[in-house]
C-alpha cells in the first residue's frame, strides 16, 4: 500500500513535468538504502553501544536517584529549592562515584558521574559542574601537588564548596579584557586582589553564596595560593612561564574550560533526549479525531522524528569529541573547534534554558570561532569547493548527502574567505596592519554567513560521524540507526533548499525526491504503532523515574491526584 501511494504521488508530481524530469528516477526504495528495519532490536544493546563507558557507574547512579530527595517538588520557593539542590549534591557526593582528581586521571569516569545528574535535575548538574569541573578541574590542571593535597579532599567531600569567578559585569566573552587586579607585594609575599570598578565585579558566578556577585577590597592572599603549574611569581616578584607568548599562556590557562563545555553540550543533548522521548511516547498513545494516534500524522512525524535523529547525531558527535579530547596526544585545536560547535548546536537545539547559550562561551561567539578555524585552514590549503556531481537518485545515498553537506560548508568558506582576501588586497598598499584590519572588517560584515558556516560545519561533521557509527554498530542495530542518519542528513539538505538551488547543486526534481524520501523514511520509522521509535527512545537508557512527565505514561490519569 505504501508503495502504491508513493507511485501515485510521483505520478501526480511528474505528470506534465519539464523535459529535465524525463527518465529521472528520484526515489529508490528506502529499504534499498537503509535495509529492512528490525523492530525487535534490544534497546539495552543499543544503550550499551551508544554509551560506551562506565555503564555500571551510570546504572548505579540512576538507580540511586530513586531516593525521595531527588523527586521533583514544583511548589518550592527559590531559597528552599537552592537548599534542596545543596542537599541533593551532598547526598550524591557521599556516594563517592568519582573523585575530583579523576578530571585528570580518569576523565571519562569524571564526566560519566556528572552526566547522569543532568538526567535528574539540571540545576543540580550545573551546581556539581561548577564545583567539580570549573573549580576542582582548574585546581587539578593548573595547580601542583601542594594545591591538590590542600584543596581536593575538601572538594571531594563538599566540605569546601567551590565556585569559579571569571566572568565580570563588563566582560563576558572578552576574557583577556577583565579588569580585576592582582598586584604582588614582595615585601609581604602576598597578592593583593582588588575590584577597581563596578564593571570589574565578578558577576553571574555560580556557587558563590546566594547572589552570584563578588567584589574584592584589597584582599590579600599568600603567594603560595597561586596555581603555578604553567606560570609562577618568585619571591622577588619575577614572573616566569614555559610559554613565551601571551596567547600561549592564555590558551593553556583557559583550556580547562573544554571539559565544562563538553558537559554543557551533553546536558543540552540529554535534555533534548528527555523531551523527545516524552513527546514520542505521548504521540504513540494519544488518539485524536477518532481512533487515529497523532504519531500517525505526517505533520507530527516531521516535528518529532527528525528531532530524535538530531539527538542521536549529537550524541555520537559527543562520543567522537571525547575520543579526541581523551586520546594520549589530543589535538588542542580540533578539540576546541568541535567542542565549541557542539556546545552551541546542542544548547541551541534545546532552547529552553537561556544560560546554556551564554556560559562557557556565548554560542554566537563559539560559532564564529569554528568559522575562523575553517577560514584559516582554507587560506593555507587554497582548496576550492567541489560542486557535487549528482545524477538521478544520487542525492538520496549517504555518500552523496555527505557531499552536499560538505559542499555547503566549503562554499561558505570560499565566499567569506574570498571577500576577506579581496578587502585585504585592496588595502595592502597602505601596509600590513591596514590589510589585516580590512580583512577583519570584511569578516564582521559577513557575521550572518559566519554563523551559518559554523552550523554548516557541525551538520556535515555530525552526519559523517553518524554514518561512521552506523558502520561500527552491531548488525541488529544498523538498519534503525541508518534510517535516523539518513533522516538527519536529508532534513539538513531540505532545510537549506534555497542555498542548494541558488548554487545549482540540486535541481527541482532532486528536491522532490528529497521530500518524498524523507516522508517515506518517517512512515517506516513510525509504523506499527511507533514501535521502532519507542525502542530508539528506550535506547537512551533513561529510566522511568527520571522521565518526570505524566504524559509519557498514562496521560489519562493526569489530574486525578490534583
Protein backbone atom coordinates (compact mmCIF):
# COMPACT_ATOMS: atom_id res chain seq x y z
CA UNK A 1 0.00 0.00 0.00
CA UNK A 2 2.84 2.41 0.87
CA UNK A 3 4.48 1.69 -2.48
CA UNK A 4 1.21 2.39 -4.30
CA UNK A 5 0.84 5.73 -2.51
CA UNK A 6 4.40 6.61 -3.44
CA UNK A 7 3.84 5.79 -7.10
CA UNK A 8 0.61 7.80 -7.12
CA UNK A 9 2.36 10.79 -5.57
CA UNK A 10 5.17 10.61 -8.09
CA UNK A 11 2.69 10.34 -10.94
CA UNK A 12 0.89 13.50 -9.79
CA UNK A 13 4.11 15.45 -9.43
CA UNK A 14 5.85 14.27 -12.55
CA UNK A 15 2.95 14.42 -14.99
CA UNK A 16 3.43 17.37 -17.34
CA UNK A 17 6.90 17.94 -15.90
CA UNK A 18 9.60 19.70 -17.90
CA UNK A 19 11.97 17.77 -20.10
CA UNK A 20 14.62 17.69 -17.38
CA UNK A 21 12.48 15.18 -15.48
CA UNK A 22 12.27 12.66 -18.28
CA UNK A 23 13.98 9.42 -17.34
CA UNK A 24 14.59 10.65 -13.78
CA UNK A 25 14.22 8.04 -11.06
CA UNK A 26 14.13 10.22 -7.98
CA UNK A 27 13.08 7.87 -5.18
CA UNK A 28 14.69 4.49 -4.75
CA UNK A 29 13.03 2.34 -2.10
CA UNK A 30 14.14 3.30 1.39
CA UNK A 31 14.88 -0.33 2.12
CA UNK A 32 17.42 -0.30 -0.72
CA UNK A 33 19.35 2.39 1.12
CA UNK A 34 18.93 1.52 4.81
CA UNK A 35 17.90 -2.13 4.74
CA UNK A 36 14.86 -3.65 6.37
CA UNK A 37 14.30 -2.22 9.85
CA UNK A 38 14.10 -4.87 12.56
CA UNK A 39 11.63 -3.59 15.13
CA UNK A 40 12.67 -6.34 17.58
CA UNK A 41 16.15 -4.95 18.34
CA UNK A 42 17.07 -4.87 22.02
CA UNK A 43 17.08 -1.30 23.44
CA UNK A 44 19.55 -2.38 26.13
CA UNK A 45 22.04 -3.43 23.43
CA UNK A 46 21.54 -0.04 21.79
CA UNK A 47 22.10 1.71 25.13
CA UNK A 48 25.33 -0.19 25.70
CA UNK A 49 26.55 0.58 22.16
CA UNK A 50 25.94 4.32 22.36
CA UNK A 51 27.05 4.74 25.99
CA UNK A 52 30.47 3.08 25.66
CA UNK A 53 31.95 3.73 29.10
CA UNK A 54 31.25 3.46 32.82
CA UNK A 55 27.91 1.73 32.30
CA UNK A 56 27.90 0.23 35.81
CA UNK A 57 28.57 3.63 37.36
CA UNK A 58 25.81 5.25 35.34
CA UNK A 59 23.32 2.49 36.14
CA UNK A 60 24.15 2.64 39.85
CA UNK A 61 23.83 6.43 39.97
CA UNK A 62 20.49 6.41 38.14
CA UNK A 63 19.23 3.70 40.49
CA UNK A 64 20.39 5.75 43.50
CA UNK A 65 18.37 8.73 42.30
CA UNK A 66 15.15 6.89 43.02
CA UNK A 67 15.72 8.29 46.53
CA UNK A 68 12.83 10.54 47.61
CA UNK A 69 15.19 13.51 47.86
CA UNK A 70 15.52 13.52 44.06
CA UNK A 71 11.81 13.53 43.32
CA UNK A 72 10.64 16.84 41.84
CA UNK A 73 8.86 19.38 44.00
CA UNK A 74 7.33 22.12 41.88
CA UNK A 75 5.86 24.10 44.77
CA UNK A 76 9.03 25.33 46.48
CA UNK A 77 10.24 28.89 46.76
CA UNK A 78 13.64 29.92 45.40
CA UNK A 79 15.57 29.67 48.66
CA UNK A 80 14.05 26.29 49.54
CA UNK A 81 14.96 24.99 46.09
CA UNK A 82 18.55 26.18 46.50
CA UNK A 83 18.80 24.43 49.83
CA UNK A 84 17.35 21.24 48.34
CA UNK A 85 19.86 21.39 45.49
CA UNK A 86 22.70 21.59 48.01
CA UNK A 87 21.27 18.63 49.94
CA UNK A 88 20.96 16.64 46.73
CA UNK A 89 24.57 17.38 45.83
CA UNK A 90 25.79 16.43 49.30
CA UNK A 91 23.98 13.09 49.23
CA UNK A 92 25.29 12.38 45.73
CA UNK A 93 28.84 13.31 46.71
CA UNK A 94 28.63 10.97 49.71
CA UNK A 95 28.25 8.01 47.32
CA UNK A 96 31.81 8.61 46.02
CA UNK A 97 31.05 7.72 42.40
CA UNK A 98 34.17 9.64 41.36
CA UNK A 99 36.82 11.98 42.75
CA UNK A 100 37.92 15.42 41.60
CA UNK A 101 41.33 14.07 40.54
CA UNK A 102 39.53 11.84 38.02
CA UNK A 103 39.34 15.06 35.99
CA UNK A 104 42.95 14.27 35.07
CA UNK A 105 43.38 10.57 35.82
CA UNK A 106 40.10 9.16 34.51
CA UNK A 107 38.19 11.88 32.62
CA UNK A 108 35.58 9.51 31.17
CA UNK A 109 34.63 8.39 34.67
CA UNK A 110 34.60 12.01 35.83
CA UNK A 111 32.25 13.01 33.01
CA UNK A 112 30.03 9.94 33.44
CA UNK A 113 29.35 10.81 37.08
CA UNK A 114 28.34 14.35 36.20
CA UNK A 115 26.41 13.47 33.03
CA UNK A 116 23.95 11.34 35.00
CA UNK A 117 22.94 14.34 37.09
CA UNK A 118 21.64 16.17 34.02
CA UNK A 119 19.02 13.45 33.60
CA UNK A 120 17.66 14.11 37.08
CA UNK A 121 17.90 17.84 37.79
CA UNK A 122 19.72 20.33 35.61
CA UNK A 123 20.18 22.79 38.47
CA UNK A 124 21.94 20.01 40.37
CA UNK A 125 24.06 19.21 37.33
CA UNK A 126 25.15 22.84 36.96
CA UNK A 127 25.97 23.19 40.66
CA UNK A 128 28.02 19.99 40.54
CA UNK A 129 29.69 21.06 37.30
CA UNK A 130 30.78 24.41 38.73
CA UNK A 131 32.07 22.73 41.89
CA UNK A 132 33.91 19.77 40.35
CA UNK A 133 34.78 20.96 36.85
CA UNK A 134 35.32 24.72 36.88
CA UNK A 135 36.70 24.92 40.40
CA UNK A 136 38.08 21.43 41.01
CA UNK A 137 39.22 20.85 37.45
CA UNK A 138 41.07 24.17 37.38
CA UNK A 139 42.92 23.27 40.58
CA UNK A 140 43.74 19.85 39.12
CA UNK A 141 45.04 21.20 35.82
CA UNK A 142 46.69 24.48 36.79
CA UNK A 143 47.77 23.55 40.32
CA UNK A 144 50.58 21.34 41.59
CA UNK A 145 50.81 18.62 44.23
CA UNK A 146 50.68 21.09 47.13
CA UNK A 147 47.39 22.51 45.84
CA UNK A 148 45.96 19.06 45.19
CA UNK A 149 46.77 17.92 48.72
CA UNK A 150 45.40 21.08 50.29
CA UNK A 151 42.14 21.55 48.41
CA UNK A 152 40.95 18.37 46.69
CA UNK A 153 39.91 16.35 49.78
CA UNK A 154 37.59 19.19 50.83
CA UNK A 155 36.16 19.43 47.33
CA UNK A 156 35.56 15.67 47.21
CA UNK A 157 33.54 15.78 50.45
CA UNK A 158 31.85 19.13 49.72
CA UNK A 159 33.33 20.47 52.95
CA UNK A 160 34.96 23.10 50.74
CA UNK A 161 32.30 24.33 48.27
CA UNK A 162 33.81 25.73 45.09
CA UNK A 163 32.95 28.43 42.58
CA UNK A 164 34.74 29.93 39.57
CA UNK A 165 34.96 33.70 39.26
CA UNK A 166 35.96 34.56 35.71
CA UNK A 167 33.01 36.45 34.17
CA UNK A 168 32.76 40.13 35.07
CA UNK A 169 29.86 42.53 34.69
CA UNK A 170 31.64 44.31 31.84
CA UNK A 171 33.48 41.33 30.34
CA UNK A 172 31.94 38.02 29.37
CA UNK A 173 33.40 36.61 26.17
CA UNK A 174 36.36 39.02 26.28
CA UNK A 175 38.29 37.20 29.00
CA UNK A 176 41.55 38.97 28.14
CA UNK A 177 39.81 42.25 28.96
CA UNK A 178 38.90 41.51 32.58
CA UNK A 179 39.68 44.35 35.00
CA UNK A 180 40.18 42.60 38.35
CA UNK A 181 43.65 43.45 39.64
CA UNK A 182 46.18 41.08 41.19
CA UNK A 183 49.25 43.07 42.36
CA UNK A 184 52.15 41.24 44.00
CA UNK A 185 53.53 42.78 47.20
CA UNK A 186 57.04 41.36 47.51
CA UNK A 187 57.51 42.87 50.97
CA UNK A 188 54.80 40.61 52.39
CA UNK A 189 54.87 37.81 49.78
CA UNK A 190 51.20 38.31 49.03
CA UNK A 191 48.95 39.08 46.08
CA UNK A 192 46.53 41.95 46.60
CA UNK A 193 43.24 41.28 44.79
CA UNK A 194 41.10 44.32 44.09
CA UNK A 195 37.96 45.26 42.16
CA UNK A 196 38.64 48.76 40.79
CA UNK A 197 35.25 49.44 39.13
CA UNK A 198 31.69 48.12 39.13
CA UNK A 199 32.24 46.59 35.69
CA UNK A 200 35.12 44.60 37.21
CA UNK A 201 32.83 42.90 39.73
CA UNK A 202 32.59 39.16 39.30
CA UNK A 203 29.06 38.54 38.07
CA UNK A 204 26.74 35.56 37.45
CA UNK A 205 29.12 33.38 39.47
CA UNK A 206 27.54 30.00 40.18
CA UNK A 207 28.19 28.62 43.66
CA UNK A 208 29.08 31.99 45.19
CA UNK A 209 26.65 32.14 48.14
CA UNK A 210 23.13 33.37 47.19
CA UNK A 211 23.52 36.32 44.73
CA UNK A 212 26.46 35.48 42.49
CA UNK A 213 28.22 38.87 42.61
CA UNK A 214 31.69 39.32 44.12
CA UNK A 215 33.86 42.38 44.86
CA UNK A 216 37.39 42.31 46.24
CA UNK A 217 38.52 45.14 48.54
CA UNK A 218 42.33 44.83 48.59
CA UNK A 219 42.10 41.18 49.65
CA UNK A 220 45.49 39.66 50.46
CA UNK A 221 46.28 36.05 49.64
CA UNK A 222 49.63 34.25 50.06
CA UNK A 223 51.91 33.75 47.05
CA UNK A 224 51.65 30.03 47.67
CA UNK A 225 47.97 30.12 46.61
CA UNK A 226 48.93 30.85 43.00
CA UNK A 227 48.14 27.84 40.78
CA UNK A 228 51.62 27.74 39.32
CA UNK A 229 51.90 24.71 37.07
CA UNK A 230 52.25 26.85 33.94
CA UNK A 231 53.32 30.22 35.38
CA UNK A 232 54.92 31.42 38.59
CA UNK A 233 55.95 34.52 40.50
CA UNK A 234 59.16 34.25 42.52
CA UNK A 235 59.59 35.76 45.97
CA UNK A 236 61.33 38.76 44.44
CA UNK A 237 58.39 39.35 42.06
CA UNK A 238 60.00 37.80 38.96
CA UNK A 239 57.43 36.27 36.60
CA UNK A 240 58.24 33.07 34.68
CA UNK A 241 56.43 30.68 32.37
CA UNK A 242 57.44 27.91 29.96
CA UNK A 243 55.10 29.54 27.43
CA UNK A 244 56.72 32.63 25.88
CA UNK A 245 53.67 34.41 24.44
CA UNK A 246 50.50 35.83 25.95
CA UNK A 247 48.40 33.81 23.51
CA UNK A 248 50.03 30.53 24.55
CA UNK A 249 49.68 31.30 28.25
CA UNK A 250 46.06 32.30 27.77
CA UNK A 251 45.31 29.16 25.78
CA UNK A 252 46.73 26.77 28.35
CA UNK A 253 45.01 28.64 31.19
CA UNK A 254 41.51 28.55 29.72
CA UNK A 255 41.98 25.15 28.08
CA UNK A 256 40.46 23.56 31.16
CA UNK A 257 37.10 25.02 30.20
CA UNK A 258 36.81 22.41 27.45
CA UNK A 259 35.57 19.70 29.82
CA UNK A 260 32.88 22.03 31.13
CA UNK A 261 31.91 22.92 27.58
CA UNK A 262 31.60 19.21 26.78
CA UNK A 263 29.42 18.65 29.85
CA UNK A 264 27.15 21.54 28.89
CA UNK A 265 26.84 20.12 25.39
CA UNK A 266 25.97 16.76 26.93
CA UNK A 267 23.41 18.41 29.20
CA UNK A 268 21.74 20.02 26.19
CA UNK A 269 21.72 16.70 24.36
CA UNK A 270 20.30 14.83 27.36
CA UNK A 271 17.58 17.43 27.88
CA UNK A 272 16.64 17.06 24.22
CA UNK A 273 16.56 13.28 24.63
CA UNK A 274 14.15 13.55 27.55
CA UNK A 275 11.92 15.97 25.68
CA UNK A 276 11.72 13.90 22.52
CA UNK A 277 11.16 10.68 24.49
CA UNK A 278 8.23 12.27 26.33
CA UNK A 279 6.75 13.67 23.12
CA UNK A 280 7.06 10.44 21.15
CA UNK A 281 5.68 8.28 23.98
CA UNK A 282 2.66 10.57 24.23
CA UNK A 283 2.16 10.76 20.47
CA UNK A 284 2.15 6.97 20.18
CA UNK A 285 -0.74 6.58 22.66
CA UNK A 286 -2.79 9.75 22.19
CA UNK A 287 -5.69 9.43 19.74
CA UNK A 288 -7.19 12.46 18.06
CA UNK A 289 -10.17 12.81 15.73
CA UNK A 290 -11.28 9.25 16.38
CA UNK A 291 -9.01 6.30 16.98
CA UNK A 292 -6.01 7.51 14.95
CA UNK A 293 -2.94 8.22 17.06
CA UNK A 294 -1.25 11.57 16.46
CA UNK A 295 2.03 9.82 15.68
CA UNK A 296 0.37 8.51 12.53
CA UNK A 297 0.04 12.02 11.08
CA UNK A 298 2.87 13.10 8.78
CA UNK A 299 2.91 16.59 10.29
CA UNK A 300 3.60 15.16 13.73
CA UNK A 301 6.20 12.76 12.38
CA UNK A 302 8.01 15.70 10.80
CA UNK A 303 8.02 17.51 14.15
CA UNK A 304 9.36 14.66 16.26
CA UNK A 305 11.31 12.09 14.27
CA UNK A 306 13.97 14.46 12.87
CA UNK A 307 14.38 15.71 16.44
CA UNK A 308 15.10 12.13 17.54
CA UNK A 309 17.61 11.78 14.70
CA UNK A 310 19.29 15.00 15.83
CA UNK A 311 19.63 13.67 19.39
CA UNK A 312 21.44 10.60 18.10
CA UNK A 313 23.63 12.66 15.74
CA UNK A 314 24.71 14.98 18.53
CA UNK A 315 25.21 12.12 20.97
CA UNK A 316 27.58 10.37 18.57
CA UNK A 317 29.37 13.67 17.91
CA UNK A 318 29.97 14.00 21.65
CA UNK A 319 31.37 10.46 21.66
CA UNK A 320 33.78 11.45 18.87
CA UNK A 321 34.77 14.59 20.76
CA UNK A 322 35.59 12.54 23.86
CA UNK A 323 37.73 10.22 21.73
CA UNK A 324 39.75 13.20 20.50
CA UNK A 325 39.94 15.02 23.83
CA UNK A 326 40.91 11.98 25.88
CA UNK A 327 43.41 10.49 23.43
CA UNK A 328 47.05 10.21 24.59
CA UNK A 329 48.03 13.23 22.47
CA UNK A 330 44.89 15.30 21.87
CA UNK A 331 44.83 17.87 19.09
CA UNK A 332 44.02 21.01 21.08
CA UNK A 333 42.72 22.94 18.08
CA UNK A 334 40.48 20.07 16.94
CA UNK A 335 39.09 19.73 20.45
CA UNK A 336 38.42 23.46 20.68
CA UNK A 337 36.66 23.64 17.32
CA UNK A 338 34.45 20.60 17.83
CA UNK A 339 33.62 21.37 21.47
CA UNK A 340 32.74 24.97 20.56
CA UNK A 341 30.50 23.96 17.69
CA UNK A 342 28.81 21.12 19.52
CA UNK A 343 28.16 23.18 22.65
CA UNK A 344 26.47 25.85 20.53
CA UNK A 345 24.50 23.41 18.38
CA UNK A 346 23.36 21.23 21.30
CA UNK A 347 22.24 24.05 23.56
CA UNK A 348 20.54 25.99 20.78
CA UNK A 349 18.75 22.74 19.91
CA UNK A 350 17.45 22.56 23.49
CA UNK A 351 16.21 26.19 23.52
CA UNK A 352 14.54 26.16 26.94
CA UNK A 353 17.39 27.23 29.19
CA UNK A 354 18.92 30.59 28.32
CA UNK A 355 22.07 30.34 30.42
CA UNK A 356 23.20 27.35 28.34
CA UNK A 357 23.56 29.58 25.31
CA UNK A 358 25.90 32.02 27.04
CA UNK A 359 28.05 30.40 29.72
CA UNK A 360 31.24 28.52 28.84
CA UNK A 361 31.22 30.71 25.73
CA UNK A 362 28.39 32.61 24.07
CA UNK A 363 27.01 30.41 21.29
CA UNK A 364 27.26 33.03 18.57
CA UNK A 365 30.88 33.72 19.50
CA UNK A 366 31.64 29.98 19.60
CA UNK A 367 30.26 29.50 16.09
CA UNK A 368 32.47 32.40 14.96
CA UNK A 369 35.48 30.59 16.42
CA UNK A 370 34.54 27.47 14.49
CA UNK A 371 34.29 29.53 11.31
CA UNK A 372 37.62 31.28 11.93
CA UNK A 373 39.39 27.94 12.26
CA UNK A 374 37.89 26.76 8.96
CA UNK A 375 38.84 30.01 7.20
CA UNK A 376 42.42 29.80 8.50
CA UNK A 377 42.78 26.21 7.29
CA UNK A 378 41.30 27.06 3.89
CA UNK A 379 43.66 30.02 3.47
CA UNK A 380 46.62 27.68 3.91
CA UNK A 381 45.34 24.92 1.64
CA UNK A 382 43.80 27.22 -1.01
CA UNK A 383 41.36 24.43 -1.94
CA UNK A 384 38.17 25.23 -3.85
CA UNK A 385 34.69 23.82 -3.15
CA UNK A 386 33.82 20.78 -5.20
CA UNK A 387 30.42 21.02 -6.84
CA UNK A 388 28.57 17.73 -6.23
CA UNK A 389 28.08 15.78 -9.43
CA UNK A 390 24.72 14.22 -8.75
CA UNK A 391 22.81 12.20 -11.25
CA UNK A 392 19.26 10.85 -10.93
CA UNK A 393 18.60 9.44 -7.48
CA UNK A 394 22.13 10.02 -6.22
CA UNK A 395 21.07 12.74 -3.79
CA UNK A 396 19.49 10.05 -1.67
CA UNK A 397 22.58 7.99 -0.80
CA UNK A 398 24.52 8.59 2.41
CA UNK A 399 27.68 9.39 0.46
CA UNK A 400 26.04 11.98 -1.78
CA UNK A 401 24.23 13.56 1.18
CA UNK A 402 27.62 13.98 2.84
CA UNK A 403 28.93 15.58 -0.37
CA UNK A 404 26.08 18.08 -0.27
CA UNK A 405 26.62 18.96 3.38
CA UNK A 406 30.36 19.32 2.85
CA UNK A 407 29.79 21.46 -0.25
CA UNK A 408 27.70 23.92 1.75
CA UNK A 409 30.49 24.30 4.26
CA UNK A 410 33.17 24.69 1.58
CA UNK A 411 31.11 27.16 -0.46
CA UNK A 412 30.56 29.39 2.58
CA UNK A 413 34.27 29.23 3.38
CA UNK A 414 35.05 30.28 -0.18
CA UNK A 415 32.53 33.13 -0.13
CA UNK A 416 33.61 34.61 3.20
CA UNK A 417 37.30 33.95 2.61
CA UNK A 418 37.10 35.46 -0.85
CA UNK A 419 35.61 38.70 0.44
CA UNK A 420 38.22 38.90 3.21
CA UNK A 421 41.01 38.34 0.70
CA UNK A 422 39.66 41.00 -1.67
CA UNK A 423 39.40 43.52 1.15
CA UNK A 424 42.91 42.73 2.31
CA UNK A 425 44.38 43.07 -1.18
CA UNK A 426 42.61 46.39 -1.74
CA UNK A 427 44.18 47.82 1.44
CA UNK A 428 47.60 46.17 1.06
CA UNK A 429 49.23 49.23 -0.46
CA UNK A 430 48.75 51.12 2.82
CA UNK A 431 50.53 48.50 4.91
CA UNK A 432 50.10 45.13 6.56
CA UNK A 433 48.11 46.41 9.53
CA UNK A 434 45.62 48.11 7.23
CA UNK A 435 45.27 44.94 5.16
CA UNK A 436 44.60 42.86 8.29
CA UNK A 437 42.09 45.43 9.53
CA UNK A 438 40.30 45.39 6.17
CA UNK A 439 40.07 41.59 6.27
CA UNK A 440 38.64 41.74 9.79
CA UNK A 441 36.08 44.32 8.67
CA UNK A 442 35.02 42.02 5.82
CA UNK A 443 34.65 39.20 8.35
CA UNK A 444 32.47 41.39 10.57
CA UNK A 445 30.36 42.45 7.58
CA UNK A 446 29.54 38.79 6.96
CA UNK A 447 28.83 37.62 10.50
CA UNK A 448 25.48 36.18 9.44
CA UNK A 449 27.28 33.92 6.98
CA UNK A 450 29.98 33.24 9.55
CA UNK A 451 27.46 31.76 11.98
CA UNK A 452 25.85 29.85 9.08
CA UNK A 453 29.30 28.43 8.32
CA UNK A 454 29.63 27.21 11.90
CA UNK A 455 26.28 25.44 11.56
CA UNK A 456 27.23 24.00 8.16
CA UNK A 457 30.41 22.53 9.62
CA UNK A 458 28.61 20.95 12.56
CA UNK A 459 25.93 19.44 10.33
CA UNK A 460 28.48 17.98 7.90
CA UNK A 461 30.71 16.75 10.72
CA UNK A 462 27.85 15.20 12.70
CA UNK A 463 26.43 13.47 9.64
CA UNK A 464 29.78 11.90 8.81
CA UNK A 465 30.29 10.79 12.41
CA UNK A 466 26.77 9.34 12.44
CA UNK A 467 27.46 7.33 9.28
CA UNK A 468 30.73 6.06 10.75
CA UNK A 469 28.94 4.94 13.90
CA UNK A 470 26.32 3.08 11.87
CA UNK A 471 29.07 1.13 10.14
CA UNK A 472 30.52 0.08 13.52
CA UNK A 473 27.20 -0.80 15.13
CA UNK A 474 26.13 -4.41 15.75
CA UNK A 475 24.25 -5.79 12.76
CA UNK A 476 20.92 -5.81 14.59
CA UNK A 477 21.16 -2.04 15.21
CA UNK A 478 22.38 -0.89 11.82
CA UNK A 479 19.08 -0.55 9.94
CA UNK A 480 17.25 1.67 12.51
CA UNK A 481 20.36 3.79 13.07
CA UNK A 482 20.96 4.08 9.33
CA UNK A 483 17.39 5.33 8.89
CA UNK A 484 17.97 8.01 11.52
CA UNK A 485 21.31 9.01 10.00
CA UNK A 486 19.70 9.30 6.57
CA UNK A 487 16.88 11.38 8.02
CA UNK A 488 19.30 13.67 9.83
CA UNK A 489 21.24 14.37 6.63
CA UNK A 490 18.21 14.79 4.38
CA UNK A 491 16.49 17.11 6.86
CA UNK A 492 19.54 19.39 6.75
CA UNK A 493 19.58 19.38 2.96
CA UNK A 494 15.85 20.09 2.89
CA UNK A 495 16.22 22.92 5.43
CA UNK A 496 18.79 24.64 3.23
CA UNK A 497 16.94 24.24 -0.06
CA UNK A 498 17.48 27.89 -1.02
CA UNK A 499 21.24 27.51 -0.82
CA UNK A 500 21.43 24.34 -2.90
CA UNK A 501 19.09 25.67 -5.56
CA UNK A 502 20.93 29.00 -5.78
CA UNK A 503 24.24 27.18 -6.16
CA UNK A 504 22.81 24.78 -8.79
CA UNK A 505 23.93 21.95 -6.52
CA UNK A 506 20.49 20.32 -6.71
CA UNK A 507 17.66 20.55 -9.20
CA UNK A 508 13.93 20.78 -8.57
CA UNK A 509 13.49 17.05 -9.27
CA UNK A 510 16.12 16.28 -6.67
CA UNK A 511 14.21 18.26 -4.08
CA UNK A 512 11.01 16.49 -4.97
CA UNK A 513 12.91 13.29 -4.35
CA UNK A 514 14.30 14.56 -1.04
CA UNK A 515 10.84 15.44 0.25
CA UNK A 516 9.31 12.12 -0.76
CA UNK A 517 12.22 10.16 0.61
CA UNK A 518 12.01 11.98 3.95
CA UNK A 519 8.30 11.26 4.15
CA UNK A 520 8.74 7.58 3.37
CA UNK A 521 11.52 7.26 5.96
CA UNK A 522 9.23 8.87 8.53
CA UNK A 523 6.42 6.50 7.61
CA UNK A 524 8.64 3.43 8.01
CA UNK A 525 10.03 4.51 11.36
CA UNK A 526 6.55 5.43 12.68
CA UNK A 527 4.77 2.25 11.58
CA UNK A 528 3.48 -0.50 13.88
CA UNK A 529 2.30 1.97 16.49
CA UNK A 530 5.68 3.67 16.58
CA UNK A 531 7.39 0.56 17.97
CA UNK A 532 10.73 1.35 16.33
CA UNK A 533 10.64 4.93 17.61
CA UNK A 534 9.82 3.79 21.14
CA UNK A 535 12.71 1.32 21.09
CA UNK A 536 15.06 4.01 19.80
CA UNK A 537 13.94 6.24 22.68
CA UNK A 538 14.45 3.39 25.14
CA UNK A 539 17.96 3.03 23.71
CA UNK A 540 18.94 6.22 25.53
CA UNK A 541 18.67 4.22 28.75
CA UNK A 542 16.75 6.85 30.73
CA UNK A 543 14.77 5.05 33.49
CA UNK A 544 11.11 5.84 34.04
CA UNK A 545 11.71 7.60 37.36
CA UNK A 546 13.82 10.22 35.55
CA UNK A 547 11.17 10.83 32.86
CA UNK A 548 9.32 13.29 35.06
CA UNK A 549 6.30 13.93 32.85
CA UNK A 550 2.94 12.16 33.35
CA UNK A 551 2.06 12.37 29.65
CA UNK A 552 4.92 9.98 28.87
CA UNK A 553 3.00 7.24 30.64
CA UNK A 554 -0.78 7.00 31.09
CA UNK A 555 -1.88 10.50 30.13
CA UNK A 556 -5.46 9.60 31.03
CA UNK A 557 -4.52 9.68 34.73
CA UNK A 558 -3.33 13.28 34.67
CA UNK A 559 -5.18 15.40 37.20
CA UNK A 560 -6.64 12.58 39.27
CA UNK A 561 -4.47 13.42 42.27
CA UNK A 562 -4.64 17.21 41.96
